[in-house]
C-alpha cells in the first residue's frame, strides 16, 4: 500500500481523515474537507491499495424525511 501522497492533495487529506478513525459521506467531504468528488478520491485511494469499505446509511433530510447515502471508512 502506497500512502506517500502529495501534501495538500485530496487523497492525502481524505486518507488522514479516515486514518483517524472517521467515516465520511459526500456531504461531510464537501462541508468539512472541501472535496467535491468523493467517489473519485475514494477510487484513487483504492487504486493506491488503501482498504476502504462502504455501506449505505439512512440520514435525515431538512424536510423531515430520510435519505440513503453511502458512508466510507477504512477497514478495521
N, C-alpha and C. Protein backbone atom coordinates (compact mmCIF):
# COMPACT_ATOMS: atom_id res chain seq x y z
N UNK A 1 0.84 -1.17 0.00
CA UNK A 1 0.00 0.00 0.00
C UNK A 1 0.89 1.24 0.00
N UNK A 2 0.65 2.12 -0.95
CA UNK A 2 1.41 3.37 -1.05
C UNK A 2 0.60 4.50 -0.43
N UNK A 3 1.05 5.02 0.71
CA UNK A 3 0.35 6.12 1.36
C UNK A 3 1.19 7.39 1.39
N UNK A 4 2.19 7.47 0.54
CA UNK A 4 3.00 8.68 0.44
C UNK A 4 2.38 9.63 -0.57
N UNK A 5 1.24 10.22 -0.19
CA UNK A 5 0.53 11.10 -1.10
C UNK A 5 1.10 12.50 -1.00
N UNK A 6 1.01 13.23 -2.10
CA UNK A 6 1.49 14.60 -2.15
C UNK A 6 0.74 15.44 -1.11
N UNK A 7 1.47 16.21 -0.34
CA UNK A 7 0.91 17.02 0.73
C UNK A 7 -0.12 18.01 0.20
N UNK A 8 -1.29 18.06 0.83
CA UNK A 8 -2.32 19.01 0.47
C UNK A 8 -3.28 18.53 -0.60
N UNK A 9 -3.06 17.33 -1.15
CA UNK A 9 -3.97 16.81 -2.17
C UNK A 9 -5.21 16.23 -1.49
N UNK A 10 -6.28 16.08 -2.28
CA UNK A 10 -7.49 15.48 -1.74
C UNK A 10 -7.22 14.08 -1.22
N UNK A 11 -6.38 13.32 -1.92
CA UNK A 11 -6.05 11.96 -1.47
C UNK A 11 -5.42 11.99 -0.09
N UNK A 12 -4.47 12.87 0.12
CA UNK A 12 -3.78 12.94 1.40
C UNK A 12 -4.71 13.44 2.50
N UNK A 13 -5.52 14.44 2.21
CA UNK A 13 -6.44 15.00 3.19
C UNK A 13 -7.46 13.94 3.62
N UNK A 14 -8.04 13.24 2.64
CA UNK A 14 -9.04 12.21 2.95
C UNK A 14 -8.41 11.03 3.67
N UNK A 15 -7.23 10.59 3.24
CA UNK A 15 -6.57 9.47 3.91
C UNK A 15 -6.30 9.81 5.37
N UNK A 16 -5.77 10.99 5.65
CA UNK A 16 -5.50 11.38 7.03
C UNK A 16 -6.78 11.43 7.85
N UNK A 17 -7.86 11.91 7.27
CA UNK A 17 -9.15 11.99 7.95
C UNK A 17 -9.67 10.60 8.29
N UNK A 18 -9.63 9.70 7.32
CA UNK A 18 -10.10 8.33 7.55
C UNK A 18 -9.19 7.57 8.50
N UNK A 19 -7.90 7.84 8.42
CA UNK A 19 -6.91 7.15 9.26
C UNK A 19 -7.09 7.48 10.74
N UNK A 20 -7.76 8.58 11.05
CA UNK A 20 -8.04 8.95 12.44
C UNK A 20 -9.26 8.22 12.99
N UNK A 21 -9.84 7.30 12.18
CA UNK A 21 -10.99 6.53 12.63
C UNK A 21 -12.33 7.12 12.23
N UNK A 22 -12.29 8.19 11.44
CA UNK A 22 -13.53 8.83 11.00
C UNK A 22 -14.13 8.09 9.81
N UNK A 23 -15.44 8.22 9.66
CA UNK A 23 -16.11 7.79 8.44
C UNK A 23 -16.58 9.05 7.73
N UNK A 24 -16.97 8.91 6.45
CA UNK A 24 -17.31 10.11 5.69
C UNK A 24 -18.39 9.84 4.66
N UNK A 25 -19.23 10.84 4.44
CA UNK A 25 -20.23 10.81 3.38
C UNK A 25 -19.89 11.95 2.40
N UNK A 26 -20.57 11.99 1.28
CA UNK A 26 -20.32 13.04 0.29
C UNK A 26 -20.54 14.43 0.89
N UNK A 27 -21.62 14.59 1.65
CA UNK A 27 -21.90 15.88 2.27
C UNK A 27 -20.78 16.29 3.22
N UNK A 28 -20.33 15.35 4.07
CA UNK A 28 -19.24 15.64 5.00
C UNK A 28 -17.96 16.00 4.27
N UNK A 29 -17.67 15.30 3.17
CA UNK A 29 -16.46 15.57 2.41
C UNK A 29 -16.47 16.98 1.84
N UNK A 30 -17.62 17.40 1.33
CA UNK A 30 -17.72 18.75 0.77
C UNK A 30 -17.67 19.80 1.88
N UNK A 31 -18.41 19.57 2.94
CA UNK A 31 -18.54 20.56 4.01
C UNK A 31 -17.27 20.69 4.85
N UNK A 32 -16.69 19.56 5.27
CA UNK A 32 -15.56 19.58 6.20
C UNK A 32 -14.19 19.59 5.51
N UNK A 33 -14.09 18.94 4.35
CA UNK A 33 -12.77 18.78 3.72
C UNK A 33 -12.63 19.51 2.40
N UNK A 34 -13.72 20.04 1.85
CA UNK A 34 -13.65 20.74 0.58
C UNK A 34 -13.45 19.82 -0.61
N UNK A 35 -13.86 18.57 -0.49
CA UNK A 35 -13.71 17.59 -1.56
C UNK A 35 -15.06 17.43 -2.25
N UNK A 36 -15.13 17.84 -3.52
CA UNK A 36 -16.38 17.78 -4.27
C UNK A 36 -16.61 16.44 -4.95
N UNK A 37 -15.55 15.71 -5.24
CA UNK A 37 -15.66 14.42 -5.93
C UNK A 37 -15.17 13.31 -5.00
N UNK A 38 -15.98 12.99 -4.00
CA UNK A 38 -15.57 11.98 -3.02
C UNK A 38 -15.36 10.63 -3.67
N UNK A 39 -16.27 10.20 -4.55
CA UNK A 39 -16.14 8.89 -5.17
C UNK A 39 -14.84 8.78 -5.97
N UNK A 40 -14.47 9.85 -6.66
CA UNK A 40 -13.21 9.84 -7.42
C UNK A 40 -12.01 9.74 -6.51
N UNK A 41 -12.04 10.45 -5.41
CA UNK A 41 -10.93 10.40 -4.46
C UNK A 41 -10.85 9.04 -3.78
N UNK A 42 -12.00 8.46 -3.46
CA UNK A 42 -12.05 7.11 -2.90
C UNK A 42 -11.45 6.12 -3.89
N UNK A 43 -11.84 6.24 -5.16
CA UNK A 43 -11.31 5.35 -6.21
C UNK A 43 -9.79 5.47 -6.29
N UNK A 44 -9.26 6.70 -6.24
CA UNK A 44 -7.81 6.89 -6.29
C UNK A 44 -7.12 6.24 -5.09
N UNK A 45 -7.72 6.37 -3.91
CA UNK A 45 -7.14 5.74 -2.72
C UNK A 45 -7.15 4.23 -2.85
N UNK A 46 -8.26 3.67 -3.34
CA UNK A 46 -8.34 2.22 -3.51
C UNK A 46 -7.30 1.73 -4.52
N UNK A 47 -7.09 2.49 -5.59
CA UNK A 47 -6.08 2.12 -6.59
C UNK A 47 -4.68 2.15 -6.00
N UNK A 48 -4.48 2.96 -4.96
CA UNK A 48 -3.18 3.02 -4.27
C UNK A 48 -3.05 1.92 -3.23
N UNK A 49 -4.11 1.11 -3.06
CA UNK A 49 -4.04 -0.01 -2.13
C UNK A 49 -4.63 0.25 -0.76
N UNK A 50 -5.27 1.38 -0.57
CA UNK A 50 -5.87 1.70 0.73
C UNK A 50 -7.17 0.91 0.87
N UNK A 51 -7.30 0.12 1.95
CA UNK A 51 -8.50 -0.70 2.13
C UNK A 51 -9.67 0.12 2.68
N UNK A 52 -10.62 0.43 1.83
CA UNK A 52 -11.78 1.24 2.21
C UNK A 52 -13.04 0.42 2.03
N UNK A 53 -13.89 0.48 3.03
CA UNK A 53 -15.18 -0.21 2.93
C UNK A 53 -16.29 0.84 2.87
N UNK A 54 -17.42 0.44 2.33
CA UNK A 54 -18.56 1.36 2.25
C UNK A 54 -19.82 0.63 2.64
N UNK A 55 -20.78 1.40 3.11
CA UNK A 55 -22.10 0.85 3.42
C UNK A 55 -23.11 1.98 3.25
N UNK A 56 -24.36 1.60 3.06
CA UNK A 56 -25.43 2.58 2.94
C UNK A 56 -26.00 2.86 4.32
N UNK A 57 -26.22 4.14 4.61
CA UNK A 57 -26.82 4.55 5.87
C UNK A 57 -28.00 5.47 5.58
N UNK A 58 -28.90 5.58 6.53
CA UNK A 58 -30.04 6.46 6.41
C UNK A 58 -29.75 7.73 7.20
N UNK A 59 -29.97 8.90 6.56
CA UNK A 59 -29.74 10.18 7.23
C UNK A 59 -30.99 11.04 7.08
N UNK A 60 -31.27 11.88 8.07
CA UNK A 60 -32.45 12.75 7.96
C UNK A 60 -32.21 13.88 6.97
N UNK A 61 -33.27 14.30 6.30
CA UNK A 61 -33.19 15.45 5.40
C UNK A 61 -33.80 16.67 6.09
N UNK A 62 -33.65 17.80 5.51
CA UNK A 62 -34.22 19.01 6.10
C UNK A 62 -35.74 19.06 5.96
N UNK A 63 -36.30 18.13 5.20
CA UNK A 63 -37.74 18.07 5.01
C UNK A 63 -38.42 17.04 5.91
N UNK A 64 -37.68 16.53 6.89
CA UNK A 64 -38.25 15.59 7.85
C UNK A 64 -38.35 14.16 7.35
N UNK A 65 -37.73 13.86 6.22
CA UNK A 65 -37.72 12.50 5.70
C UNK A 65 -36.32 11.92 5.86
N UNK A 66 -36.10 10.73 5.35
CA UNK A 66 -34.78 10.11 5.39
C UNK A 66 -34.28 9.86 3.98
N UNK A 67 -32.98 9.96 3.81
CA UNK A 67 -32.34 9.66 2.54
C UNK A 67 -31.28 8.60 2.80
N UNK A 68 -31.02 7.78 1.80
CA UNK A 68 -29.99 6.76 1.91
C UNK A 68 -28.74 7.26 1.20
N UNK A 69 -27.62 7.28 1.93
CA UNK A 69 -26.35 7.74 1.36
C UNK A 69 -25.27 6.71 1.66
N UNK A 70 -24.17 6.80 0.92
CA UNK A 70 -23.05 5.89 1.12
C UNK A 70 -22.06 6.50 2.09
N UNK A 71 -21.60 5.69 3.02
CA UNK A 71 -20.61 6.10 4.02
C UNK A 71 -19.35 5.27 3.82
N UNK A 72 -18.19 5.91 3.87
CA UNK A 72 -16.91 5.24 3.66
C UNK A 72 -16.08 5.30 4.93
N UNK A 73 -15.29 4.24 5.16
CA UNK A 73 -14.32 4.23 6.24
C UNK A 73 -13.25 3.21 5.91
N UNK A 74 -12.14 3.27 6.65
CA UNK A 74 -11.07 2.30 6.46
C UNK A 74 -11.49 0.97 7.07
N UNK A 75 -11.05 -0.13 6.45
CA UNK A 75 -11.31 -1.45 7.04
C UNK A 75 -10.70 -1.51 8.42
N UNK A 76 -11.43 -2.08 9.35
CA UNK A 76 -10.95 -2.18 10.73
C UNK A 76 -9.95 -3.29 10.89
